[in-house]
Amino acid sequence: MTLEGDQKLLRVFVGEADRWKGVPLYEAIVNEARALGMAGATVVKGFMGFGAKAHIHTAKLLELSLDLPVIVEIVDTEERVARLLPKLSEMVKEGLVTEEKVRVHIYRA
């Protein structure tokens, strides 16, 4: 697959404890992206954050949260990102989905 020039970056912010059909939501999102033939996905776990409910999620030892922030990042064409968005709308019950324009300089296996 060739992926160069202007593309889309999709970011999905969810909680570590969020689930979709019994599996972690971030894992389900990556599996869905793979099933759609997307270029790739990366999951990043956060140390601290808050969302729409303003509840702090943190990895501090004394306040150990079991629901740390997780970000799934996917860079692909506008068309493939558009195919994933309806599924994300169904899967993400609480969270944030953003999209922005990025320029890909190198994409290699």
N, C-alpha and C. Protein backbone atom coordinates (compact mmCIF):
# COMPACT_ATOMS: atom_id res chain seq x y z
N MET A 1 0.85 -1.18 0.00
CA MET A 1 0.00 0.00 0.00
C MET A 1 0.89 1.24 0.00
N THR A 2 0.55 2.20 -0.83
CA THR A 2 1.25 3.47 -0.87
C THR A 2 0.42 4.50 -0.10
N LEU A 3 1.10 5.24 0.73
CA LEU A 3 0.42 6.27 1.51
C LEU A 3 1.37 7.45 1.63
N GLU A 4 1.21 8.42 0.73
CA GLU A 4 2.06 9.59 0.73
C GLU A 4 1.21 10.84 0.51
N GLY A 5 1.78 11.98 0.88
CA GLY A 5 1.09 13.25 0.66
C GLY A 5 0.02 13.53 1.69
N ASP A 6 -0.97 14.31 1.30
CA ASP A 6 -2.03 14.72 2.22
C ASP A 6 -2.97 13.56 2.53
N GLN A 7 -3.10 13.26 3.81
CA GLN A 7 -3.95 12.17 4.29
C GLN A 7 -4.72 12.66 5.51
N LYS A 8 -5.40 11.75 6.18
CA LYS A 8 -6.18 12.09 7.37
C LYS A 8 -5.62 11.34 8.58
N LEU A 9 -5.61 12.03 9.72
CA LEU A 9 -5.25 11.43 11.01
C LEU A 9 -6.52 11.37 11.83
N LEU A 10 -6.88 10.18 12.22
CA LEU A 10 -8.05 9.95 13.06
C LEU A 10 -7.56 9.63 14.46
N ARG A 11 -8.08 10.33 15.45
CA ARG A 11 -7.74 10.05 16.85
C ARG A 11 -9.02 9.71 17.59
N VAL A 12 -8.96 8.61 18.32
CA VAL A 12 -10.11 8.16 19.09
C VAL A 12 -9.67 8.11 20.56
N PHE A 13 -10.30 8.94 21.38
CA PHE A 13 -9.99 9.01 22.81
C PHE A 13 -11.06 8.23 23.57
N VAL A 14 -10.65 7.18 24.26
CA VAL A 14 -11.58 6.36 25.04
C VAL A 14 -10.92 6.01 26.37
N GLY A 15 -11.63 5.26 27.18
CA GLY A 15 -11.09 4.80 28.45
C GLY A 15 -10.57 3.38 28.33
N GLU A 16 -9.57 3.07 29.12
CA GLU A 16 -8.97 1.74 29.12
C GLU A 16 -9.99 0.65 29.45
N ALA A 17 -10.97 0.98 30.29
CA ALA A 17 -11.96 -0.01 30.72
C ALA A 17 -13.15 -0.14 29.76
N ASP A 18 -13.24 0.74 28.76
CA ASP A 18 -14.36 0.67 27.81
C ASP A 18 -14.31 -0.63 27.02
N ARG A 19 -15.48 -1.19 26.77
CA ARG A 19 -15.58 -2.48 26.09
C ARG A 19 -16.52 -2.40 24.90
N TRP A 20 -16.28 -3.28 23.92
CA TRP A 20 -17.17 -3.47 22.79
C TRP A 20 -17.29 -4.98 22.57
N LYS A 21 -18.47 -5.50 22.78
CA LYS A 21 -18.74 -6.93 22.61
C LYS A 21 -17.74 -7.80 23.37
N GLY A 22 -17.45 -7.39 24.60
CA GLY A 22 -16.62 -8.19 25.49
C GLY A 22 -15.12 -8.00 25.38
N VAL A 23 -14.65 -7.21 24.43
CA VAL A 23 -13.21 -6.97 24.30
C VAL A 23 -12.93 -5.49 24.55
N PRO A 24 -11.70 -5.15 24.93
CA PRO A 24 -11.38 -3.74 25.12
C PRO A 24 -11.72 -2.94 23.85
N LEU A 25 -12.33 -1.78 24.04
CA LEU A 25 -12.77 -0.97 22.91
C LEU A 25 -11.62 -0.60 21.99
N TYR A 26 -10.47 -0.24 22.57
CA TYR A 26 -9.33 0.14 21.73
C TYR A 26 -8.90 -1.03 20.84
N GLU A 27 -8.98 -2.24 21.36
CA GLU A 27 -8.63 -3.43 20.58
C GLU A 27 -9.66 -3.66 19.47
N ALA A 28 -10.93 -3.48 19.79
CA ALA A 28 -11.99 -3.63 18.80
C ALA A 28 -11.84 -2.61 17.67
N ILE A 29 -11.43 -1.39 18.01
CA ILE A 29 -11.23 -0.35 16.99
C ILE A 29 -10.08 -0.73 16.07
N VAL A 30 -8.97 -1.19 16.64
CA VAL A 30 -7.82 -1.61 15.83
C VAL A 30 -8.23 -2.78 14.92
N ASN A 31 -8.96 -3.74 15.46
CA ASN A 31 -9.40 -4.88 14.65
C ASN A 31 -10.32 -4.44 13.52
N GLU A 32 -11.20 -3.48 13.78
CA GLU A 32 -12.10 -2.96 12.75
C GLU A 32 -11.30 -2.25 11.66
N ALA A 33 -10.32 -1.44 12.06
CA ALA A 33 -9.47 -0.74 11.09
C ALA A 33 -8.72 -1.75 10.20
N ARG A 34 -8.23 -2.79 10.82
CA ARG A 34 -7.51 -3.83 10.06
C ARG A 34 -8.45 -4.54 9.09
N ALA A 35 -9.66 -4.85 9.55
CA ALA A 35 -10.65 -5.53 8.70
C ALA A 35 -11.03 -4.67 7.49
N LEU A 36 -10.98 -3.35 7.65
CA LEU A 36 -11.30 -2.43 6.55
C LEU A 36 -10.10 -2.19 5.63
N GLY A 37 -8.97 -2.84 5.93
CA GLY A 37 -7.78 -2.70 5.09
C GLY A 37 -7.05 -1.39 5.25
N MET A 38 -7.17 -0.80 6.43
CA MET A 38 -6.53 0.50 6.66
C MET A 38 -5.01 0.32 6.81
N ALA A 39 -4.29 1.42 6.67
CA ALA A 39 -2.83 1.40 6.63
C ALA A 39 -2.19 0.97 7.95
N GLY A 40 -2.83 1.25 9.07
CA GLY A 40 -2.27 0.88 10.37
C GLY A 40 -2.94 1.66 11.48
N ALA A 41 -2.68 1.24 12.70
CA ALA A 41 -3.24 1.90 13.87
C ALA A 41 -2.26 1.75 15.03
N THR A 42 -2.25 2.74 15.91
CA THR A 42 -1.40 2.71 17.10
C THR A 42 -2.26 3.07 18.30
N VAL A 43 -2.06 2.33 19.40
CA VAL A 43 -2.77 2.61 20.64
C VAL A 43 -1.76 3.15 21.65
N VAL A 44 -2.11 4.28 22.25
CA VAL A 44 -1.25 4.94 23.24
C VAL A 44 -2.03 5.06 24.54
N LYS A 45 -1.40 4.65 25.63
CA LYS A 45 -2.04 4.73 26.95
C LYS A 45 -1.57 5.99 27.66
N GLY A 46 -2.51 6.75 28.19
CA GLY A 46 -2.19 7.99 28.88
C GLY A 46 -1.96 7.78 30.36
N PHE A 47 -1.30 8.73 30.98
CA PHE A 47 -1.04 8.70 32.43
C PHE A 47 -2.11 9.45 33.20
N MET A 48 -2.73 10.42 32.53
CA MET A 48 -3.71 11.24 33.22
C MET A 48 -4.59 11.94 32.18
N GLY A 49 -5.84 12.17 32.54
CA GLY A 49 -6.71 12.90 31.64
C GLY A 49 -8.11 13.04 32.22
N PHE A 50 -8.93 13.82 31.52
CA PHE A 50 -10.35 13.92 31.84
C PHE A 50 -11.10 14.23 30.56
N GLY A 51 -12.39 13.94 30.58
CA GLY A 51 -13.20 14.15 29.39
C GLY A 51 -14.45 14.94 29.69
N ALA A 52 -15.51 14.65 28.98
CA ALA A 52 -16.75 15.42 29.05
C ALA A 52 -17.36 15.46 30.45
N LYS A 53 -17.15 14.42 31.24
CA LYS A 53 -17.71 14.39 32.60
C LYS A 53 -16.79 15.05 33.62
N ALA A 54 -15.60 15.49 33.20
CA ALA A 54 -14.60 16.18 34.03
C ALA A 54 -14.08 15.33 35.17
N HIS A 55 -14.22 14.00 35.06
CA HIS A 55 -13.68 13.09 36.07
C HIS A 55 -12.21 12.82 35.75
N ILE A 56 -11.33 13.04 36.72
CA ILE A 56 -9.89 12.82 36.51
C ILE A 56 -9.58 11.33 36.53
N HIS A 57 -8.87 10.88 35.51
CA HIS A 57 -8.36 9.51 35.44
C HIS A 57 -6.84 9.64 35.54
N THR A 58 -6.24 8.96 36.50
CA THR A 58 -4.81 9.14 36.73
C THR A 58 -4.12 7.82 37.08
N ALA A 59 -2.81 7.79 36.88
CA ALA A 59 -2.01 6.61 37.20
C ALA A 59 -1.22 6.81 38.48
N LYS A 60 -1.56 7.83 39.28
CA LYS A 60 -0.86 8.05 40.54
C LYS A 60 -1.08 6.86 41.45
N LEU A 61 -0.05 6.46 42.15
CA LEU A 61 -0.08 5.26 42.97
C LEU A 61 -1.19 5.28 44.01
N LEU A 62 -1.38 6.41 44.69
CA LEU A 62 -2.39 6.47 45.74
C LEU A 62 -3.81 6.61 45.21
N GLU A 63 -3.94 7.00 43.95
CA GLU A 63 -5.26 7.19 43.35
C GLU A 63 -5.37 6.34 42.09
N LEU A 64 -4.95 5.10 42.17
CA LEU A 64 -4.86 4.25 40.99
C LEU A 64 -6.20 4.13 40.28
N SER A 65 -6.24 4.57 39.05
CA SER A 65 -7.44 4.49 38.22
C SER A 65 -7.36 3.22 37.39
N LEU A 66 -8.46 2.55 37.27
CA LEU A 66 -8.52 1.37 36.41
C LEU A 66 -9.07 1.73 35.04
N ASP A 67 -9.20 3.02 34.77
CA ASP A 67 -9.77 3.47 33.52
C ASP A 67 -8.94 4.62 32.96
N LEU A 68 -7.66 4.35 32.69
CA LEU A 68 -6.77 5.38 32.17
C LEU A 68 -7.15 5.75 30.74
N PRO A 69 -6.78 6.96 30.31
CA PRO A 69 -7.08 7.38 28.94
C PRO A 69 -6.30 6.54 27.92
N VAL A 70 -6.94 6.24 26.81
CA VAL A 70 -6.32 5.51 25.71
C VAL A 70 -6.65 6.26 24.42
N ILE A 71 -5.64 6.41 23.57
CA ILE A 71 -5.83 7.07 22.28
C ILE A 71 -5.47 6.08 21.18
N VAL A 72 -6.38 5.91 20.23
CA VAL A 72 -6.11 5.12 19.04
C VAL A 72 -5.86 6.10 17.90
N GLU A 73 -4.70 6.00 17.27
CA GLU A 73 -4.38 6.89 16.14
C GLU A 73 -4.30 6.07 14.86
N ILE A 74 -4.93 6.60 13.83
CA ILE A 74 -4.97 5.94 12.53
C ILE A 74 -4.71 7.00 11.47
N VAL A 75 -3.72 6.75 10.61
CA VAL A 75 -3.46 7.64 9.47
C VAL A 75 -3.78 6.87 8.21
N ASP A 76 -4.63 7.45 7.38
CA ASP A 76 -5.01 6.78 6.15
C ASP A 76 -5.65 7.79 5.21
N THR A 77 -6.15 7.30 4.09
CA THR A 77 -6.80 8.18 3.11
C THR A 77 -8.13 8.67 3.66
N GLU A 78 -8.59 9.77 3.11
CA GLU A 78 -9.89 10.33 3.51
C GLU A 78 -11.01 9.31 3.29
N GLU A 79 -10.93 8.56 2.20
CA GLU A 79 -11.97 7.60 1.87
C GLU A 79 -12.03 6.46 2.90
N ARG A 80 -10.88 5.92 3.28
CA ARG A 80 -10.88 4.82 4.25
C ARG A 80 -11.26 5.30 5.64
N VAL A 81 -10.84 6.49 6.01
CA VAL A 81 -11.27 7.06 7.29
C VAL A 81 -12.78 7.24 7.30
N ALA A 82 -13.34 7.71 6.20
CA ALA A 82 -14.79 7.91 6.11
C ALA A 82 -15.54 6.59 6.26
N ARG A 83 -14.96 5.48 5.81
CA ARG A 83 -15.60 4.17 5.96
C ARG A 83 -15.61 3.70 7.40
N LEU A 84 -14.62 4.12 8.19
CA LEU A 84 -14.54 3.70 9.59
C LEU A 84 -15.45 4.53 10.50
N LEU A 85 -15.69 5.78 10.16
CA LEU A 85 -16.43 6.68 11.05
C LEU A 85 -17.82 6.19 11.46
N PRO A 86 -18.65 5.63 10.57
CA PRO A 86 -19.96 5.13 11.02
C PRO A 86 -19.84 4.02 12.06
N LYS A 87 -18.85 3.16 11.91
CA LYS A 87 -18.65 2.08 12.88
C LYS A 87 -18.21 2.66 14.22
N LEU A 88 -17.34 3.67 14.19
CA LEU A 88 -16.91 4.32 15.44
C LEU A 88 -18.08 4.97 16.14
N SER A 89 -18.99 5.55 15.37
CA SER A 89 -20.17 6.18 15.96
C SER A 89 -20.98 5.17 16.74
N GLU A 90 -21.01 3.96 16.26
CA GLU A 90 -21.71 2.87 16.94
C GLU A 90 -20.93 2.36 18.15
N MET A 91 -19.62 2.28 18.04
CA MET A 91 -18.78 1.64 19.06
C MET A 91 -18.46 2.56 20.24
N VAL A 92 -18.21 3.83 19.99
CA VAL A 92 -17.75 4.76 21.03
C VAL A 92 -18.96 5.38 21.72
N LYS A 93 -19.28 4.85 22.90
CA LYS A 93 -20.42 5.35 23.68
C LYS A 93 -20.03 6.59 24.49
N GLU A 94 -18.79 6.60 24.98
CA GLU A 94 -18.23 7.76 25.69
C GLU A 94 -16.82 7.97 25.16
N GLY A 95 -16.50 9.19 24.79
CA GLY A 95 -15.16 9.45 24.28
C GLY A 95 -15.17 10.61 23.31
N LEU A 96 -14.14 10.67 22.49
CA LEU A 96 -13.95 11.77 21.54
C LEU A 96 -13.30 11.20 20.29
N VAL A 97 -13.79 11.59 19.14
CA VAL A 97 -13.20 11.19 17.87
C VAL A 97 -12.88 12.47 17.11
N THR A 98 -11.61 12.62 16.71
CA THR A 98 -11.21 13.80 15.95
C THR A 98 -10.55 13.37 14.64
N GLU A 99 -10.52 14.30 13.71
CA GLU A 99 -9.91 14.05 12.41
C GLU A 99 -9.16 15.32 12.01
N GLU A 100 -7.98 15.14 11.46
CA GLU A 100 -7.24 16.30 10.97
C GLU A 100 -6.41 15.92 9.75
N LYS A 101 -6.04 16.92 9.01
CA LYS A 101 -5.23 16.74 7.82
C LYS A 101 -3.76 16.60 8.23
N VAL A 102 -3.09 15.61 7.65
CA VAL A 102 -1.66 15.42 7.90
C VAL A 102 -0.96 15.17 6.57
N ARG A 103 0.34 15.39 6.54
CA ARG A 103 1.13 15.09 5.36
C ARG A 103 2.05 13.92 5.67
N VAL A 104 1.91 12.85 4.92
CA VAL A 104 2.74 11.66 5.09
C VAL A 104 3.96 11.80 4.20
N HIS A 105 5.14 11.68 4.82
CA HIS A 105 6.39 11.75 4.07
C HIS A 105 6.97 10.37 3.82
N ILE A 106 6.83 9.48 4.80
CA ILE A 106 7.37 8.12 4.67
C ILE A 106 6.37 7.15 5.27
N TYR A 107 6.06 6.09 4.53
CA TYR A 107 5.25 4.98 5.02
C TYR A 107 5.83 3.73 4.40
N ARG A 108 6.51 2.94 5.21
CA ARG A 108 7.21 1.74 4.70
C ARG A 108 6.94 0.55 5.59
N ALA A 109 6.94 -0.62 4.95
CA ALA A 109 6.77 -1.87 5.70
C ALA A 109 8.08 -2.25 6.38
